[in-house]
Amino acid sequence: MDDASLRDWLAAALYSGRPPPLLDTVTSQQLLEAAEREGITALLEARLRAEGGWGALTEDQRDALQAHARGLAAQWLLRVTDLRQIEQALGATGVRVVLLKGSALALWLYPQPHLRMGGDIDLLLESRAAVTQAADVLSAQGYARVFEPGDTHFELTLRRSVDGVMRAELDLHSRLLNAAAYADIFGFEELWASAQALPGMGASLRALSPVHALAHACLNRALDMQNAIPDRLKLLYDLRLLAARSGAEDWDALCALAQDKHIAGVCLRSLEDAARTLGAVVPAEVSNRLRTLATAEPLDATRLDDWRYMQWQNLRALPSLGARLHWLRQRLLPGAAQLRALYGDGPLWRLWLRRLGRGVKRLFA
């Protein structure tokens, strides 16, 4: 079974929980690697057990999947400890934080939080100054900056290592999305005003409201497409669960938000993909409203994975010629630390060759 066929099987398993038997020629390691790529290992086990599809796996496959899911449950306990320590440290200084993406959805959307483990922790703060303040506070807990981002980059990465092994990675965001085309769609105060409390966390750490979380899930997936990050089933399953808990008022609010922010096409594309791949239920009238709104938008959502087109959209979103030239300079000439974060260790000339090769490949793909 090739990788594409195995991904189709994983999607079928998440869709119904009762997929056809998996070939015994698929080794336990191949199954785990495929599920890990999609970010669904623990979720896969839970779906198969709950819906009667556990017998679709061989005994070896079941044993491997069960052991890995238990390991993820243990990892989640460490994640919760990290989150509480971060909240306490930042809350003591008055910094307000919105927890984003998988870690937030795990706490309020999924039936068990370890079913939505993410690789890093994403935190939204109200400004670049607040990001700098938070990074300084968290340095006392061992979090170190990976590189200093340019002022057209809205994300600061921190890492904490123990005995030479990376224990946790934080992405501190000064905008909800790290791309010029999306950077100013949502302001922090707007998001904070409707943000929801998180179970087991203090008042200074909140999550996006359900409607904002749904819009963000669509936009974040669009950003992955722009950056040629492989589509992952975990993101589509987020959308399935978010759609399932949305009532008529939520869908009306999403459509109003999409109209106001000009993101109807982006939302429609991800929702349709989640419906087709994993059975997300989106009311027909909602799809029709979003489709009508999308026709009047400047961004063509059918081209989200067209890197050249999306770079042009990022450039157009900037307010002046000076801002556009500054953005281009920082995109074309990143610092040495950022090059190493992107392309690994090695002499700078080799890293520049890797960047040049990647740029040429994208330009002429």
Protein backbone atom coordinates (compact mmCIF):
# COMPACT_ATOMS: atom_id res chain seq x y z
CA MET A 1 0.00 0.00 0.00
CA ASP A 2 1.53 3.35 -1.04
CA ASP A 3 1.43 6.51 1.08
CA ALA A 4 -1.57 7.99 -0.75
CA SER A 5 -3.62 4.83 -0.34
CA LEU A 6 -2.71 4.60 3.34
CA ARG A 7 -3.77 8.21 3.84
CA ASP A 8 -7.10 7.41 2.17
CA TRP A 9 -7.53 4.51 4.60
CA LEU A 10 -6.80 6.81 7.56
CA ALA A 11 -9.35 9.31 6.28
CA ALA A 12 -11.94 6.54 5.96
CA ALA A 13 -11.14 5.41 9.50
CA LEU A 14 -11.71 8.91 10.88
CA TYR A 15 -14.80 9.45 8.72
CA SER A 16 -16.78 6.45 9.94
CA GLY A 17 -14.69 4.61 12.51
CA ARG A 18 -15.37 1.45 10.50
CA PRO A 19 -12.87 1.27 7.63
CA PRO A 20 -12.18 -1.84 5.56
CA PRO A 21 -9.52 -4.18 7.02
CA LEU A 22 -6.02 -2.77 6.72
CA LEU A 23 -3.71 -5.03 4.76
CA ASP A 24 -1.43 -7.10 6.97
CA THR A 25 1.40 -6.11 4.61
CA VAL A 26 1.22 -2.66 6.20
CA THR A 27 3.64 -2.89 9.08
CA SER A 28 2.92 -1.40 12.48
CA GLN A 29 5.72 1.08 11.89
CA GLN A 30 4.24 2.20 8.57
CA LEU A 31 0.84 2.69 10.20
CA LEU A 32 2.29 4.73 13.05
CA GLU A 33 4.43 6.86 10.75
CA ALA A 34 1.45 7.63 8.51
CA ALA A 35 -0.78 8.48 11.47
CA GLU A 36 1.95 10.67 12.98
CA ARG A 37 2.35 12.60 9.71
CA GLU A 38 -1.35 13.37 9.85
CA GLY A 39 -1.28 14.14 13.59
CA ILE A 40 -4.07 11.64 14.38
CA THR A 41 -2.49 8.67 16.18
CA ALA A 42 -4.49 8.85 19.43
CA LEU A 43 -7.59 10.06 17.59
CA LEU A 44 -7.40 7.09 15.22
CA GLU A 45 -7.31 4.62 18.10
CA ALA A 46 -10.25 6.34 19.81
CA ARG A 47 -12.38 6.43 16.64
CA LEU A 48 -11.77 2.77 15.82
CA ARG A 49 -12.56 1.66 19.36
CA ALA A 50 -15.67 3.81 19.71
CA GLU A 51 -17.23 2.97 16.34
CA GLY A 52 -16.47 -0.75 16.10
CA GLY A 53 -13.60 -0.60 13.63
CA TRP A 54 -10.89 -1.92 15.94
CA GLY A 55 -11.01 -5.26 14.19
CA ALA A 56 -9.88 -3.65 10.93
CA LEU A 57 -6.33 -3.84 12.31
CA THR A 58 -4.16 -6.86 12.92
CA GLU A 59 -3.13 -7.66 16.48
CA ASP A 60 0.34 -6.21 15.92
CA GLN A 61 -1.12 -3.04 14.44
CA ARG A 62 -3.54 -2.69 17.37
CA ASP A 63 -0.80 -3.19 19.94
CA ALA A 64 1.46 -0.60 18.34
CA LEU A 65 -1.32 1.96 17.98
CA GLN A 66 -2.50 1.45 21.56
CA ALA A 67 1.01 1.83 22.98
CA HIS A 68 1.61 5.01 21.03
CA ALA A 69 -1.73 6.49 22.09
CA ARG A 70 -0.86 5.84 25.72
CA GLY A 71 2.43 7.63 25.20
CA LEU A 72 0.57 10.65 23.83
CA ALA A 73 -1.71 10.67 26.86
CA ALA A 74 1.40 10.85 29.06
CA GLN A 75 2.82 13.64 26.90
CA TRP A 76 -0.38 15.61 27.37
CA LEU A 77 0.15 15.61 31.13
CA LEU A 78 3.49 17.30 30.52
CA ARG A 79 1.84 19.75 28.12
CA VAL A 80 -0.75 20.74 30.76
CA THR A 81 2.04 21.33 33.27
CA ASP A 82 3.85 23.56 30.75
CA LEU A 83 0.67 25.51 30.01
CA ARG A 84 -0.08 26.15 33.68
CA GLN A 85 3.47 27.30 34.36
CA ILE A 86 3.35 29.64 31.35
CA GLU A 87 -0.02 31.06 32.41
CA GLN A 88 1.14 31.65 35.96
CA ALA A 89 4.36 33.34 34.87
CA LEU A 90 2.71 35.62 32.33
CA GLY A 91 -0.42 36.21 34.39
CA ALA A 92 1.70 37.49 37.28
CA THR A 93 2.97 40.28 35.01
CA GLY A 94 -0.47 41.18 33.64
CA VAL A 95 0.16 39.83 30.14
CA ARG A 96 -3.01 38.62 28.42
CA VAL A 97 -2.64 35.52 26.27
CA VAL A 98 -4.88 33.68 23.81
CA LEU A 99 -3.97 30.02 23.39
CA LEU A 100 -4.28 29.01 19.73
CA LYS A 101 -4.59 25.93 17.53
CA GLY A 102 -4.25 22.37 18.79
CA SER A 103 -3.48 23.01 22.45
CA ALA A 104 -6.56 25.20 22.81
CA LEU A 105 -8.87 22.91 20.83
CA ALA A 106 -7.66 19.96 22.89
CA LEU A 107 -8.92 21.62 26.07
CA TRP A 108 -12.42 22.60 24.96
CA LEU A 109 -13.35 20.86 21.71
CA TYR A 110 -12.07 17.29 21.84
CA PRO A 111 -13.61 14.67 24.16
CA GLN A 112 -10.15 13.90 25.58
CA PRO A 113 -7.34 16.44 25.23
CA HIS A 114 -4.58 14.01 24.25
CA LEU A 115 -6.56 13.23 21.08
CA ARG A 116 -5.38 16.60 19.71
CA MET A 117 -1.72 16.79 20.62
CA GLY A 118 0.22 19.42 18.71
CA GLY A 119 3.91 19.75 18.16
CA ASP A 120 4.27 23.20 19.70
CA ILE A 121 2.32 25.71 21.78
CA ASP A 122 0.97 28.79 19.98
CA LEU A 123 0.24 31.91 22.00
CA LEU A 124 -1.26 35.17 20.73
CA LEU A 125 -0.33 38.37 22.57
CA GLU A 126 -1.63 41.87 22.09
CA SER A 127 1.46 43.46 20.52
CA ARG A 128 5.08 42.99 19.55
CA ALA A 129 6.05 44.68 22.81
CA ALA A 130 3.98 42.14 24.74
CA VAL A 131 5.72 39.32 22.85
CA THR A 132 9.10 40.72 23.87
CA GLN A 133 7.94 41.07 27.47
CA ALA A 134 6.61 37.49 27.50
CA ALA A 135 9.85 36.14 26.03
CA ASP A 136 11.83 37.92 28.75
CA VAL A 137 9.57 36.51 31.47
CA LEU A 138 9.70 32.97 30.09
CA SER A 139 13.48 33.02 29.79
CA ALA A 140 13.51 32.40 33.55
CA GLN A 141 11.82 29.05 32.80
CA GLY A 142 14.50 28.11 30.31
CA TYR A 143 12.81 29.27 27.08
CA ALA A 144 15.36 30.74 24.67
CA ARG A 145 14.81 32.64 21.43
CA VAL A 146 15.55 30.66 18.27
CA PHE A 147 16.13 33.82 16.23
CA GLU A 148 15.01 37.44 16.29
CA PRO A 149 12.30 37.91 13.65
CA GLY A 150 12.18 40.91 11.36
CA ASP A 151 9.39 43.41 11.82
CA THR A 152 7.41 41.91 8.92
CA HIS A 153 7.44 38.54 10.72
CA PHE A 154 4.79 38.25 13.43
CA GLU A 155 5.98 35.16 15.26
CA LEU A 156 8.79 34.65 17.77
CA THR A 157 9.86 31.06 18.46
CA LEU A 158 11.17 29.99 21.87
CA ARG A 159 12.55 26.58 22.79
CA ARG A 160 13.28 24.94 26.10
CA SER A 161 15.82 22.12 26.23
CA VAL A 162 16.59 19.70 29.06
CA ASP A 163 19.92 17.84 28.99
CA GLY A 164 20.38 18.80 25.37
CA VAL A 165 16.97 17.52 24.28
CA MET A 166 14.25 19.96 23.23
CA ARG A 167 11.38 19.68 25.69
CA ALA A 168 8.97 22.34 24.42
CA GLU A 169 8.58 24.91 21.66
CA LEU A 170 6.51 28.08 21.93
CA ASP A 171 5.42 30.32 19.07
CA LEU A 172 4.58 33.79 20.37
CA HIS A 173 2.37 35.61 17.86
CA SER A 174 1.84 39.36 17.68
CA ARG A 175 -0.81 38.80 14.97
CA LEU A 176 -3.27 35.97 14.63
CA LEU A 177 -1.66 34.90 11.34
CA ASN A 178 1.93 35.29 10.22
CA ALA A 179 1.36 36.63 6.71
CA ALA A 180 0.82 40.15 5.46
CA ALA A 181 -2.32 39.20 3.53
CA TYR A 182 -4.01 38.04 6.75
CA ALA A 183 -2.13 39.94 9.47
CA ASP A 184 -4.60 42.77 10.03
CA ILE A 185 -7.87 40.88 9.60
CA PHE A 186 -8.36 40.45 13.37
CA GLY A 187 -7.23 42.71 16.18
CA PHE A 188 -6.30 41.37 19.59
CA GLU A 189 -8.98 43.33 21.49
CA GLU A 190 -11.68 42.02 19.16
CA LEU A 191 -10.59 38.45 19.80
CA TRP A 192 -10.07 38.90 23.55
CA ALA A 193 -13.54 40.42 24.03
CA SER A 194 -15.23 37.16 23.04
CA ALA A 195 -12.49 34.74 24.10
CA GLN A 196 -13.51 31.83 26.31
CA ALA A 197 -12.07 30.56 29.57
CA LEU A 198 -10.13 27.31 29.50
CA PRO A 199 -10.76 24.50 31.98
CA GLY A 200 -8.03 24.23 34.57
CA MET A 201 -6.31 27.45 33.48
CA GLY A 202 -6.14 30.92 35.00
CA ALA A 203 -8.03 33.99 33.83
CA SER A 204 -5.11 35.45 31.86
CA LEU A 205 -5.04 32.49 29.43
CA ARG A 206 -8.08 32.17 27.18
CA ALA A 207 -9.04 30.49 23.91
CA LEU A 208 -10.70 31.92 20.83
CA SER A 209 -14.48 31.89 20.81
CA PRO A 210 -15.97 28.99 18.83
CA VAL A 211 -16.77 31.20 15.83
CA HIS A 212 -13.35 32.82 15.82
CA ALA A 213 -11.76 29.38 16.26
CA LEU A 214 -13.62 28.11 13.19
CA ALA A 215 -12.52 31.09 11.09
CA HIS A 216 -8.95 30.73 12.37
CA ALA A 217 -8.89 27.01 11.54
CA CYS A 218 -9.82 27.86 7.95
CA LEU A 219 -7.30 30.69 7.70
CA ASN A 220 -4.49 28.72 9.30
CA ARG A 221 -5.02 25.90 6.82
CA ALA A 222 -4.91 28.46 3.99
CA LEU A 223 -1.59 29.71 5.33
CA ASP A 224 -0.25 26.14 5.31
CA MET A 225 -1.29 25.84 1.68
CA GLN A 226 0.53 29.07 0.85
CA ASN A 227 3.69 27.75 2.50
CA ALA A 228 3.44 24.34 0.80
CA ILE A 229 2.99 22.55 4.13
CA PRO A 230 1.36 19.16 3.45
CA ASP A 231 -2.34 19.04 4.28
CA ARG A 232 -2.99 17.09 7.48
CA LEU A 233 -6.05 15.17 8.52
CA LYS A 234 -5.90 16.62 12.03
CA LEU A 235 -6.73 20.08 10.65
CA LEU A 236 -9.69 18.73 8.71
CA TYR A 237 -10.92 16.86 11.79
CA ASP A 238 -10.72 20.11 13.77
CA LEU A 239 -13.10 21.58 11.19
CA ARG A 240 -15.39 18.56 11.42
CA LEU A 241 -15.72 18.97 15.19
CA LEU A 242 -16.07 22.74 15.00
CA ALA A 243 -18.81 22.37 12.39
CA ALA A 244 -20.57 19.72 14.48
CA ARG A 245 -20.87 21.99 17.50
CA SER A 246 -22.04 25.00 15.46
CA GLY A 247 -25.71 25.90 15.65
CA ALA A 248 -27.70 28.29 13.49
CA GLU A 249 -26.47 31.34 15.41
CA ASP A 250 -22.85 30.24 15.04
CA TRP A 251 -23.20 29.75 11.30
CA ASP A 252 -24.89 33.15 10.96
CA ALA A 253 -22.05 34.71 12.93
CA LEU A 254 -19.44 33.00 10.74
CA CYS A 255 -21.10 34.24 7.55
CA ALA A 256 -21.30 37.77 8.95
CA LEU A 257 -17.65 37.59 9.97
CA ALA A 258 -16.65 36.23 6.57
CA GLN A 259 -18.48 39.07 4.86
CA ASP A 260 -16.94 41.72 7.10
CA LYS A 261 -13.40 40.32 6.86
CA HIS A 262 -13.57 39.20 3.21
CA ILE A 263 -12.63 35.60 4.05
CA ALA A 264 -15.69 33.78 2.69
CA GLY A 265 -13.72 32.01 -0.02
CA VAL A 266 -11.05 30.82 2.42
CA CYS A 267 -13.68 29.52 4.85
CA LEU A 268 -15.67 27.83 2.10
CA ARG A 269 -12.68 26.00 0.67
CA SER A 270 -11.62 24.46 3.99
CA LEU A 271 -15.16 23.59 5.02
CA GLU A 272 -15.82 21.89 1.67
CA ASP A 273 -12.55 19.96 1.96
CA ALA A 274 -13.47 18.82 5.48
CA ALA A 275 -16.92 17.77 4.29
CA ARG A 276 -15.56 15.81 1.33
CA THR A 277 -12.69 14.13 3.17
CA LEU A 278 -14.05 13.56 6.68
CA GLY A 279 -17.79 14.09 6.50
CA ALA A 280 -18.00 17.50 8.18
CA VAL A 281 -21.62 18.65 8.13
CA VAL A 282 -22.01 22.16 6.72
CA PRO A 283 -25.57 23.40 6.09
CA ALA A 284 -26.25 23.94 2.39
CA GLU A 285 -27.49 27.48 3.00
CA VAL A 286 -24.20 28.33 4.71
CA SER A 287 -22.14 27.00 1.80
CA ASN A 288 -24.32 28.95 -0.62
CA ARG A 289 -23.97 32.18 1.36
CA LEU A 290 -20.20 31.82 1.55
CA ARG A 291 -20.00 30.98 -2.15
CA THR A 292 -21.98 34.10 -3.07
CA LEU A 293 -19.83 36.29 -0.81
CA ALA A 294 -16.63 34.80 -2.23
CA THR A 295 -17.44 35.98 -5.74
CA ALA A 296 -17.05 39.60 -4.61
CA GLU A 297 -13.74 39.11 -2.79
CA PRO A 298 -10.34 40.17 -4.21
CA LEU A 299 -8.62 36.95 -3.05
CA ASP A 300 -9.22 33.91 -5.26
CA ALA A 301 -9.52 31.04 -2.76
CA THR A 302 -9.00 28.46 -5.50
CA ARG A 303 -5.38 29.66 -5.68
CA LEU A 304 -4.42 29.43 -2.01
CA ASP A 305 -1.74 26.85 -2.84
CA ASP A 306 -0.29 28.99 -5.66
CA TRP A 307 2.84 30.34 -3.95
CA ARG A 308 3.51 33.09 -6.49
CA TYR A 309 -0.07 34.31 -6.40
CA MET A 310 -0.15 34.37 -2.58
CA GLN A 311 3.17 36.26 -2.37
CA TRP A 312 1.65 38.86 -4.65
CA GLN A 313 -1.38 39.06 -2.34
CA ASN A 314 0.93 39.54 0.65
CA LEU A 315 2.75 42.31 -1.19
CA ARG A 316 -0.49 44.02 -2.20
CA ALA A 317 -1.73 43.99 1.40
CA LEU A 318 1.07 46.30 2.54
CA PRO A 319 0.14 50.00 2.73
CA SER A 320 2.99 51.70 0.85
CA LEU A 321 5.87 51.24 -1.58
CA GLY A 322 8.33 51.59 1.28
CA ALA A 323 6.58 48.87 3.27
CA ARG A 324 6.60 46.60 0.25
CA LEU A 325 10.31 47.10 -0.40
CA HIS A 326 11.03 46.47 3.29
CA TRP A 327 8.97 43.25 3.18
CA LEU A 328 10.83 42.07 0.09
CA ARG A 329 14.22 42.75 1.67
CA GLN A 330 13.37 40.77 4.79
CA ARG A 331 11.95 37.92 2.72
CA LEU A 332 14.95 37.76 0.41
CA LEU A 333 17.71 38.44 2.95
CA PRO A 334 16.94 36.76 6.30
CA GLY A 335 19.52 36.76 9.06
CA ALA A 336 21.92 33.92 9.79
CA ALA A 337 19.93 32.63 12.79
CA GLN A 338 16.74 32.47 10.74
CA LEU A 339 18.55 30.65 7.92
CA ARG A 340 19.74 28.02 10.39
CA ALA A 341 16.25 27.68 11.84
CA LEU A 342 14.87 27.11 8.35
CA TYR A 343 17.59 24.94 6.80
CA GLY A 344 19.61 23.43 9.65
CA ASP A 345 23.24 23.81 10.61
CA GLY A 346 26.11 24.28 8.21
CA PRO A 347 28.20 27.01 6.61
CA LEU A 348 26.21 30.06 5.55
CA TRP A 349 27.09 29.67 1.87
CA ARG A 350 25.44 26.24 1.89
CA LEU A 351 22.34 27.57 3.61
CA TRP A 352 22.07 30.37 1.06
CA LEU A 353 22.30 27.79 -1.73
CA ARG A 354 19.45 25.85 -0.13
CA ARG A 355 17.36 28.99 0.09
CA LEU A 356 18.14 29.92 -3.51
CA GLY A 357 17.23 26.42 -4.66
CA ARG A 358 13.95 26.51 -2.77
CA GLY A 359 13.11 29.93 -4.21
CA VAL A 360 13.83 28.83 -7.78
CA LYS A 361 11.76 25.71 -7.31
CA ARG A 362 8.80 27.75 -6.06
CA LEU A 363 9.09 30.36 -8.81
CA PHE A 364 9.10 27.82 -11.61
CA ALA A 365 6.88 25.11 -10.13
